[in-house]
Full PDB file with SEQRES, HELIX, SHEET, SSBOND, CRYST1, ORIGX, SCALE, CONECT and MASTER records, all heavy atoms in Angstrom:
SEQRES   1 A   32  PRO ASN ASP ALA ALA LEU LYS VAL THR VAL THR ALA SER          
SEQRES   2 A   32  HIS PRO VAL ILE ALA LYS CYS ARG SER GLN ARG GLY HIS          
SEQRES   3 A   32  ARG PRO THR ARG THR ARG                                      
CRYST1    1.000    1.000    1.000  90.00  90.00  90.00 P 1           1          
ORIGX1      1.000000  0.000000  0.000000        0.00000                         
ORIGX2      0.000000  1.000000  0.000000        0.00000                         
ORIGX3      0.000000  0.000000  1.000000        0.00000                         
SCALE1      1.000000  0.000000  0.000000        0.00000                         
SCALE2      0.000000  1.000000  0.000000        0.00000                         
SCALE3      0.000000  0.000000  1.000000        0.00000                         
ATOM      1  N   PRO A   1       0.813  -1.240   0.000  1.00  0.00           N  
ATOM      2  CA  PRO A   1       0.000   0.000   0.000  1.00  0.00           C  
ATOM      3  C   PRO A   1       0.832   1.268   0.000  1.00  0.00           C  
ATOM      4  O   PRO A   1       0.350   2.321  -0.417  1.00  0.00           O  
ATOM      5  CB  PRO A   1      -0.839  -0.132   1.276  1.00  0.00           C  
ATOM      6  CG  PRO A   1      -0.088  -1.093   2.136  1.00  0.00           C  
ATOM      7  CD  PRO A   1       0.567  -2.057   1.197  1.00  0.00           C  
ATOM      8  N   ASN A   2       2.095   1.182   0.457  1.00  0.00           N  
ATOM      9  CA  ASN A   2       2.981   2.337   0.449  1.00  0.00           C  
ATOM     10  C   ASN A   2       4.032   2.242  -0.649  1.00  0.00           C  
ATOM     11  O   ASN A   2       5.001   3.007  -0.649  1.00  0.00           O  
ATOM     12  CB  ASN A   2       3.662   2.497   1.805  1.00  0.00           C  
ATOM     13  CG  ASN A   2       2.692   2.918   2.887  1.00  0.00           C  
ATOM     14  OD1 ASN A   2       1.808   3.736   2.647  1.00  0.00           O  
ATOM     15  ND2 ASN A   2       2.826   2.350   4.074  1.00  0.00           N  
ATOM     16  N   ASP A   3       3.845   1.285  -1.547  1.00  0.00           N  
ATOM     17  CA  ASP A   3       4.755   1.099  -2.677  1.00  0.00           C  
ATOM     18  C   ASP A   3       6.186   0.819  -2.225  1.00  0.00           C  
ATOM     19  O   ASP A   3       7.147   1.149  -2.929  1.00  0.00           O  
ATOM     20  CB  ASP A   3       4.721   2.321  -3.602  1.00  0.00           C  
ATOM     21  CG  ASP A   3       5.200   1.975  -5.008  1.00  0.00           C  
ATOM     22  OD1 ASP A   3       5.111   0.796  -5.382  1.00  0.00           O  
ATOM     23  OD2 ASP A   3       5.681   2.882  -5.704  1.00  0.00           O  
ATOM     24  N   ALA A   4       6.342   0.229  -1.036  1.00  0.00           N  
ATOM     25  CA  ALA A   4       7.671  -0.159  -0.565  1.00  0.00           C  
ATOM     26  C   ALA A   4       8.187  -1.313  -1.403  1.00  0.00           C  
ATOM     27  O   ALA A   4       7.417  -2.111  -1.949  1.00  0.00           O  
ATOM     28  CB  ALA A   4       7.619  -0.554   0.906  1.00  0.00           C  
ATOM     29  N   ALA A   5       9.507  -1.440  -1.518  1.00  0.00           N  
ATOM     30  CA  ALA A   5      10.111  -2.522  -2.288  1.00  0.00           C  
ATOM     31  C   ALA A   5       9.748  -3.871  -1.659  1.00  0.00           C  
ATOM     32  O   ALA A   5       9.696  -4.008  -0.427  1.00  0.00           O  
ATOM     33  CB  ALA A   5      11.619  -2.351  -2.340  1.00  0.00           C  
ATOM     34  N   LEU A   6       9.493  -4.856  -2.518  1.00  0.00           N  
ATOM     35  CA  LEU A   6       9.089  -6.176  -2.055  1.00  0.00           C  
ATOM     36  C   LEU A   6      10.137  -7.226  -2.409  1.00  0.00           C  
ATOM     37  O   LEU A   6      10.738  -7.174  -3.492  1.00  0.00           O  
ATOM     38  CB  LEU A   6       7.755  -6.585  -2.685  1.00  0.00           C  
ATOM     39  CG  LEU A   6       6.540  -5.723  -2.338  1.00  0.00           C  
ATOM     40  CD1 LEU A   6       5.328  -6.209  -3.127  1.00  0.00           C  
ATOM     41  CD2 LEU A   6       6.259  -5.749  -0.848  1.00  0.00           C  
ATOM     42  N   LYS A   7      10.321  -8.168  -1.490  1.00  0.00           N  
ATOM     43  CA  LYS A   7      11.136  -9.353  -1.750  1.00  0.00           C  
ATOM     44  C   LYS A   7      10.190 -10.552  -1.788  1.00  0.00           C  
ATOM     45  O   LYS A   7       9.458 -10.792  -0.821  1.00  0.00           O  
ATOM     46  CB  LYS A   7      12.197  -9.546  -0.671  1.00  0.00           C  
ATOM     47  CG  LYS A   7      13.062 -10.779  -0.880  1.00  0.00           C  
ATOM     48  CD  LYS A   7      14.071 -10.947   0.246  1.00  0.00           C  
ATOM     49  CE  LYS A   7      14.919 -12.196   0.037  1.00  0.00           C  
ATOM     50  NZ  LYS A   7      15.903 -12.395   1.142  1.00  0.00           N  
ATOM     51  N   VAL A   8      10.194 -11.293  -2.890  1.00  0.00           N  
ATOM     52  CA  VAL A   8       9.292 -12.423  -3.065  1.00  0.00           C  
ATOM     53  C   VAL A   8      10.115 -13.708  -3.152  1.00  0.00           C  
ATOM     54  O   VAL A   8      11.017 -13.818  -3.997  1.00  0.00           O  
ATOM     55  CB  VAL A   8       8.431 -12.265  -4.331  1.00  0.00           C  
ATOM     56  CG1 VAL A   8       7.515 -13.469  -4.515  1.00  0.00           C  
ATOM     57  CG2 VAL A   8       7.611 -10.980  -4.250  1.00  0.00           C  
ATOM     58  N   THR A   9       9.823 -14.658  -2.283  1.00  0.00           N  
ATOM     59  CA  THR A   9      10.441 -15.980  -2.352  1.00  0.00           C  
ATOM     60  C   THR A   9       9.325 -17.018  -2.425  1.00  0.00           C  
ATOM     61  O   THR A   9       8.266 -16.857  -1.800  1.00  0.00           O  
ATOM     62  CB  THR A   9      11.336 -16.261  -1.138  1.00  0.00           C  
ATOM     63  OG1 THR A   9      10.543 -16.190   0.050  1.00  0.00           O  
ATOM     64  CG2 THR A   9      12.475 -15.265  -1.053  1.00  0.00           C  
ATOM     65  N   VAL A  10       9.565 -18.074  -3.207  1.00  0.00           N  
ATOM     66  CA  VAL A  10       8.565 -19.131  -3.385  1.00  0.00           C  
ATOM     67  C   VAL A  10       9.245 -20.479  -3.181  1.00  0.00           C  
ATOM     68  O   VAL A  10      10.329 -20.728  -3.736  1.00  0.00           O  
ATOM     69  CB  VAL A  10       7.923 -19.069  -4.778  1.00  0.00           C  
ATOM     70  CG1 VAL A  10       6.841 -20.141  -4.922  1.00  0.00           C  
ATOM     71  CG2 VAL A  10       7.328 -17.684  -5.036  1.00  0.00           C  
ATOM     72  N   THR A  11       8.624 -21.339  -2.375  1.00  0.00           N  
ATOM     73  CA  THR A  11       9.151 -22.683  -2.155  1.00  0.00           C  
ATOM     74  C   THR A  11       8.171 -23.721  -2.665  1.00  0.00           C  
ATOM     75  O   THR A  11       6.949 -23.515  -2.655  1.00  0.00           O  
ATOM     76  CB  THR A  11       9.428 -22.938  -0.668  1.00  0.00           C  
ATOM     77  OG1 THR A  11       8.203 -22.801   0.069  1.00  0.00           O  
ATOM     78  CG2 THR A  11      10.468 -21.970  -0.123  1.00  0.00           C  
ATOM     79  N   ALA A  12       8.733 -24.838  -3.113  1.00  0.00           N  
ATOM     80  CA  ALA A  12       7.936 -26.009  -3.494  1.00  0.00           C  
ATOM     81  C   ALA A  12       8.358 -27.155  -2.585  1.00  0.00           C  
ATOM     82  O   ALA A  12       9.532 -27.540  -2.573  1.00  0.00           O  
ATOM     83  CB  ALA A  12       8.175 -26.363  -4.957  1.00  0.00           C  
ATOM     84  N   SER A  13       7.441 -27.686  -1.789  1.00  0.00           N  
ATOM     85  CA  SER A  13       7.784 -28.743  -0.833  1.00  0.00           C  
ATOM     86  C   SER A  13       6.892 -29.962  -1.047  1.00  0.00           C  
ATOM     87  O   SER A  13       5.748 -29.851  -1.516  1.00  0.00           O  
ATOM     88  CB  SER A  13       7.646 -28.226   0.601  1.00  0.00           C  
ATOM     89  OG  SER A  13       6.329 -27.782   0.847  1.00  0.00           O  
ATOM     90  N   HIS A  14       7.432 -31.134  -0.710  1.00  0.00           N  
ATOM     91  CA  HIS A  14       6.654 -32.363  -0.789  1.00  0.00           C  
ATOM     92  C   HIS A  14       7.193 -33.348   0.247  1.00  0.00           C  
ATOM     93  O   HIS A  14       8.368 -33.292   0.631  1.00  0.00           O  
ATOM     94  CB  HIS A  14       6.724 -32.975  -2.193  1.00  0.00           C  
ATOM     95  CG  HIS A  14       8.123 -33.375  -2.600  1.00  0.00           C  
ATOM     96  ND1 HIS A  14       9.000 -32.490  -3.186  1.00  0.00           N  
ATOM     97  CD2 HIS A  14       8.783 -34.562  -2.512  1.00  0.00           C  
ATOM     98  CE1 HIS A  14      10.142 -33.101  -3.432  1.00  0.00           C  
ATOM     99  NE2 HIS A  14      10.036 -34.373  -3.032  1.00  0.00           N  
ATOM    100  N   PRO A  15       6.350 -34.295   0.730  1.00  0.00           N  
ATOM    101  CA  PRO A  15       6.786 -35.259   1.740  1.00  0.00           C  
ATOM    102  C   PRO A  15       7.689 -36.325   1.131  1.00  0.00           C  
ATOM    103  O   PRO A  15       7.536 -36.717  -0.030  1.00  0.00           O  
ATOM    104  CB  PRO A  15       5.476 -35.864   2.247  1.00  0.00           C  
ATOM    105  CG  PRO A  15       4.523 -35.700   1.111  1.00  0.00           C  
ATOM    106  CD  PRO A  15       4.914 -34.427   0.413  1.00  0.00           C  
ATOM    107  N   VAL A  16       8.621 -36.782   1.948  1.00  0.00           N  
ATOM    108  CA  VAL A  16       9.554 -37.813   1.536  1.00  0.00           C  
ATOM    109  C   VAL A  16       9.600 -38.872   2.623  1.00  0.00           C  
ATOM    110  O   VAL A  16       9.653 -38.544   3.821  1.00  0.00           O  
ATOM    111  CB  VAL A  16      10.964 -37.230   1.304  1.00  0.00           C  
ATOM    112  CG1 VAL A  16      11.958 -38.340   0.982  1.00  0.00           C  
ATOM    113  CG2 VAL A  16      10.934 -36.207   0.186  1.00  0.00           C  
ATOM    114  N   ILE A  17       9.559 -40.152   2.226  1.00  0.00           N  
ATOM    115  CA  ILE A  17       9.705 -41.261   3.179  1.00  0.00           C  
ATOM    116  C   ILE A  17      11.088 -41.859   2.995  1.00  0.00           C  
ATOM    117  O   ILE A  17      11.478 -42.217   1.878  1.00  0.00           O  
ATOM    118  CB  ILE A  17       8.625 -42.338   2.964  1.00  0.00           C  
ATOM    119  CG1 ILE A  17       7.229 -41.716   3.184  1.00  0.00           C  
ATOM    120  CG2 ILE A  17       8.840 -43.520   3.883  1.00  0.00           C  
ATOM    121  CD1 ILE A  17       6.106 -42.682   2.878  1.00  0.00           C  
ATOM    122  N   ALA A  18      11.834 -41.988   4.074  1.00  0.00           N  
ATOM    123  CA  ALA A  18      13.198 -42.500   4.010  1.00  0.00           C  
ATOM    124  C   ALA A  18      13.508 -43.290   5.263  1.00  0.00           C  
ATOM    125  O   ALA A  18      12.787 -43.216   6.263  1.00  0.00           O  
ATOM    126  CB  ALA A  18      14.181 -41.345   3.840  1.00  0.00           C  
ATOM    127  N   LYS A  19      14.559 -44.076   5.174  1.00  0.00           N  
ATOM    128  CA  LYS A  19      14.997 -44.813   6.352  1.00  0.00           C  
ATOM    129  C   LYS A  19      15.440 -43.842   7.426  1.00  0.00           C  
ATOM    130  O   LYS A  19      16.089 -42.836   7.139  1.00  0.00           O  
ATOM    131  CB  LYS A  19      16.159 -45.739   6.014  1.00  0.00           C  
ATOM    132  CG  LYS A  19      15.772 -46.960   5.203  1.00  0.00           C  
ATOM    133  CD  LYS A  19      16.978 -47.857   4.991  1.00  0.00           C  
ATOM    134  CE  LYS A  19      16.598 -49.108   4.199  1.00  0.00           C  
ATOM    135  NZ  LYS A  19      17.786 -49.994   4.020  1.00  0.00           N  
ATOM    136  N   CYS A  20      15.093 -44.146   8.644  1.00  0.00           N  
ATOM    137  CA  CYS A  20      15.538 -43.318   9.766  1.00  0.00           C  
ATOM    138  C   CYS A  20      16.975 -43.678  10.123  1.00  0.00           C  
ATOM    139  O   CYS A  20      17.395 -44.844   9.999  1.00  0.00           O  
ATOM    140  CB  CYS A  20      14.654 -43.550  10.996  1.00  0.00           C  
ATOM    141  SG  CYS A  20      12.955 -43.026  10.737  1.00  0.00           S  
ATOM    142  N   ARG A  21      17.673 -42.700  10.553  1.00  0.00           N  
ATOM    143  CA  ARG A  21      19.005 -42.981  11.067  1.00  0.00           C  
ATOM    144  C   ARG A  21      18.906 -43.743  12.366  1.00  0.00           C  
ATOM    145  O   ARG A  21      18.127 -43.391  13.243  1.00  0.00           O  
ATOM    146  CB  ARG A  21      19.770 -41.672  11.286  1.00  0.00           C  
ATOM    147  CG  ARG A  21      20.111 -40.932  10.004  1.00  0.00           C  
ATOM    148  CD  ARG A  21      20.900 -39.692  10.320  1.00  0.00           C  
ATOM    149  NE  ARG A  21      21.244 -38.952   9.101  1.00  0.00           N  
ATOM    150  CZ  ARG A  21      21.933 -37.818   9.106  1.00  0.00           C  
ATOM    151  NH1 ARG A  21      22.334 -37.305  10.277  1.00  0.00           N  
ATOM    152  NH2 ARG A  21      22.218 -37.219   7.973  1.00  0.00           N  
ATOM    153  N   SER A  22      19.710 -44.811  12.484  1.00  0.00           N  
ATOM    154  CA  SER A  22      19.678 -45.601  13.729  1.00  0.00           C  
ATOM    155  C   SER A  22      20.347 -44.838  14.843  1.00  0.00           C  
ATOM    156  O   SER A  22      21.338 -44.134  14.631  1.00  0.00           O  
ATOM    157  CB  SER A  22      20.383 -46.942  13.513  1.00  0.00           C  
ATOM    158  OG  SER A  22      21.732 -46.713  13.126  1.00  0.00           O  
ATOM    159  N   GLN A  23      19.757 -44.903  15.991  1.00  0.00           N  
ATOM    160  CA  GLN A  23      20.318 -44.227  17.153  1.00  0.00           C  
ATOM    161  C   GLN A  23      21.450 -45.069  17.730  1.00  0.00           C  
ATOM    162  O   GLN A  23      21.460 -46.290  17.640  1.00  0.00           O  
ATOM    163  CB  GLN A  23      19.230 -44.017  18.209  1.00  0.00           C  
ATOM    164  CG  GLN A  23      18.107 -43.130  17.729  1.00  0.00           C  
ATOM    165  CD  GLN A  23      17.066 -42.944  18.802  1.00  0.00           C  
ATOM    166  OE1 GLN A  23      17.234 -43.425  19.925  1.00  0.00           O  
ATOM    167  NE2 GLN A  23      15.991 -42.270  18.449  1.00  0.00           N  
ATOM    168  N   ARG A  24      22.380 -44.411  18.331  1.00  0.00           N  
ATOM    169  CA  ARG A  24      23.506 -45.119  18.939  1.00  0.00           C  
ATOM    170  C   ARG A  24      23.006 -46.067  20.028  1.00  0.00           C  
ATOM    171  O   ARG A  24      22.203 -45.694  20.860  1.00  0.00           O  
ATOM    172  CB  ARG A  24      24.501 -44.133  19.537  1.00  0.00           C  
ATOM    173  CG  ARG A  24      25.282 -43.340  18.487  1.00  0.00           C  
ATOM    174  CD  ARG A  24      26.314 -42.465  19.148  1.00  0.00           C  
ATOM    175  NE  ARG A  24      27.091 -41.727  18.150  1.00  0.00           N  
ATOM    176  CZ  ARG A  24      28.098 -40.904  18.453  1.00  0.00           C  
ATOM    177  NH1 ARG A  24      28.415 -40.730  19.727  1.00  0.00           N  
ATOM    178  NH2 ARG A  24      28.741 -40.301  17.502  1.00  0.00           N  
ATOM    179  N   GLY A  25      23.570 -47.276  20.016  1.00  0.00           N  
ATOM    180  CA  GLY A  25      23.192 -48.260  21.038  1.00  0.00           C  
ATOM    181  C   GLY A  25      21.957 -49.042  20.684  1.00  0.00           C  
ATOM    182  O   GLY A  25      21.540 -49.921  21.440  1.00  0.00           O  
ATOM    183  N   HIS A  26      21.316 -48.748  19.565  1.00  0.00           N  
ATOM    184  CA  HIS A  26      20.099 -49.468  19.153  1.00  0.00           C  
ATOM    185  C   HIS A  26      20.315 -50.072  17.788  1.00  0.00           C  
ATOM    186  O   HIS A  26      20.720 -49.369  16.844  1.00  0.00           O  
ATOM    187  CB  HIS A  26      18.893 -48.518  19.119  1.00  0.00           C  
ATOM    188  CG  HIS A  26      18.512 -47.999  20.472  1.00  0.00           C  
ATOM    189  ND1 HIS A  26      17.678 -48.687  21.318  1.00  0.00           N  
ATOM    190  CD2 HIS A  26      18.888 -46.857  21.113  1.00  0.00           C  
ATOM    191  CE1 HIS A  26      17.533 -47.996  22.446  1.00  0.00           C  
ATOM    192  NE2 HIS A  26      18.266 -46.883  22.334  1.00  0.00           N  
ATOM    193  N   ARG A  27      20.086 -51.357  17.693  1.00  0.00           N  
ATOM    194  CA  ARG A  27      20.181 -52.038  16.407  1.00  0.00           C  
ATOM    195  C   ARG A  27      18.774 -52.341  15.900  1.00  0.00           C  
ATOM    196  O   ARG A  27      17.925 -52.783  16.661  1.00  0.00           O  
ATOM    197  CB  ARG A  27      20.966 -53.340  16.543  1.00  0.00           C  
ATOM    198  CG  ARG A  27      22.446 -53.098  16.883  1.00  0.00           C  
ATOM    199  CD  ARG A  27      23.153 -54.442  16.943  1.00  0.00           C  
ATOM    200  NE  ARG A  27      24.557 -54.236  17.255  1.00  0.00           N  
ATOM    201  CZ  ARG A  27      25.436 -55.239  17.375  1.00  0.00           C  
ATOM    202  NH1 ARG A  27      25.014 -56.494  17.209  1.00  0.00           N  
ATOM    203  NH2 ARG A  27      26.690 -54.983  17.668  1.00  0.00           N  
ATOM    204  N   PRO A  28      18.544 -52.151  14.634  1.00  0.00           N  
ATOM    205  CA  PRO A  28      17.213 -52.474  14.105  1.00  0.00           C  
ATOM    206  C   PRO A  28      16.983 -53.981  14.112  1.00  0.00           C  
ATOM    207  O   PRO A  28      17.902 -54.770  13.899  1.00  0.00           O  
ATOM    208  CB  PRO A  28      17.256 -51.933  12.681  1.00  0.00           C  
ATOM    209  CG  PRO A  28      18.704 -51.874  12.334  1.00  0.00           C  
ATOM    210  CD  PRO A  28      19.439 -51.608  13.604  1.00  0.00           C  
ATOM    211  N   THR A  29      15.763 -54.358  14.411  1.00  0.00           N  
ATOM    212  CA  THR A  29      15.410 -55.783  14.406  1.00  0.00           C  
ATOM    213  C   THR A  29      15.275 -56.268  12.980  1.00  0.00           C  
ATOM    214  O   THR A  29      15.134 -55.463  12.047  1.00  0.00           O  
ATOM    215  CB  THR A  29      14.082 -56.000  15.155  1.00  0.00           C  
ATOM    216  OG1 THR A  29      13.058 -55.324  14.445  1.00  0.00           O  
ATOM    217  CG2 THR A  29      14.158 -55.468  16.577  1.00  0.00           C  
ATOM    218  N   ARG A  30      15.343 -57.602  12.846  1.00  0.00           N  
ATOM    219  CA  ARG A  30      15.249 -58.163  11.506  1.00  0.00           C  
ATOM    220  C   ARG A  30      13.853 -58.008  10.939  1.00  0.00           C  
ATOM    221  O   ARG A  30      13.648 -57.988   9.723  1.00  0.00           O  
ATOM    222  CB  ARG A  30      15.644 -59.642  11.531  1.00  0.00           C  
ATOM    223  CG  ARG A  30      17.132 -59.850  11.856  1.00  0.00           C  
ATOM    224  CD  ARG A  30      17.451 -61.347  11.833  1.00  0.00           C  
ATOM    225  NE  ARG A  30      18.870 -61.551  12.147  1.00  0.00           N  
ATOM    226  CZ  ARG A  30      19.446 -62.764  12.212  1.00  0.00           C  
ATOM    227  NH1 ARG A  30      18.699 -63.851  11.974  1.00  0.00           N  
ATOM    228  NH2 ARG A  30      20.718 -62.888  12.495  1.00  0.00           N  
ATOM    229  N   THR A  31      12.891 -57.909  11.798  1.00  0.00           N  
ATOM    230  CA  THR A  31      11.508 -57.868  11.318  1.00  0.00           C  
ATOM    231  C   THR A  31      10.984 -56.448  11.136  1.00  0.00           C  
ATOM    232  O   THR A  31      10.012 -56.242  10.429  1.00  0.00           O  
ATOM    233  CB  THR A  31      10.586 -58.605  12.308  1.00  0.00           C  
ATOM    234  OG1 THR A  31      10.725 -58.018  13.589  1.00  0.00           O  
ATOM    235  CG2 THR A  31      10.972 -60.069  12.382  1.00  0.00           C  
ATOM    236  N   ARG A  32      11.598 -55.439  11.770  1.00  0.00           N  
ATOM    237  CA  ARG A  32      11.095 -54.050  11.656  1.00  0.00           C  
ATOM    238  C   ARG A  32      12.112 -53.174  10.940  1.00  0.00           C  
ATOM    239  O   ARG A  32      13.308 -53.240  11.223  1.00  0.00           O  
ATOM    240  CB  ARG A  32      10.818 -53.477  13.046  1.00  0.00           C  
ATOM    241  CG  ARG A  32       9.685 -54.170  13.787  1.00  0.00           C  
ATOM    242  CD  ARG A  32       9.459 -53.481  15.116  1.00  0.00           C  
ATOM    243  NE  ARG A  32       9.093 -52.070  14.904  1.00  0.00           N  
ATOM    244  CZ  ARG A  32       9.042 -51.176  15.893  1.00  0.00           C  
ATOM    245  NH1 ARG A  32       9.332 -51.533  17.135  1.00  0.00           N  
ATOM    246  NH2 ARG A  32       8.695 -49.945  15.627  1.00  0.00           N  
TER     247      ARG A  32                                                      
MASTER        0    0    0    0    0    0    0    6  246    1    0    3          
END                                                                             
């Protein structure tokens, strides 16, 4: 409304499924 300079940024995001990083001291089971 005051004709001030504008900065415009646009993002495109989407969900991703990936293996979780194993925590120290925990080993993943063979079944999970």
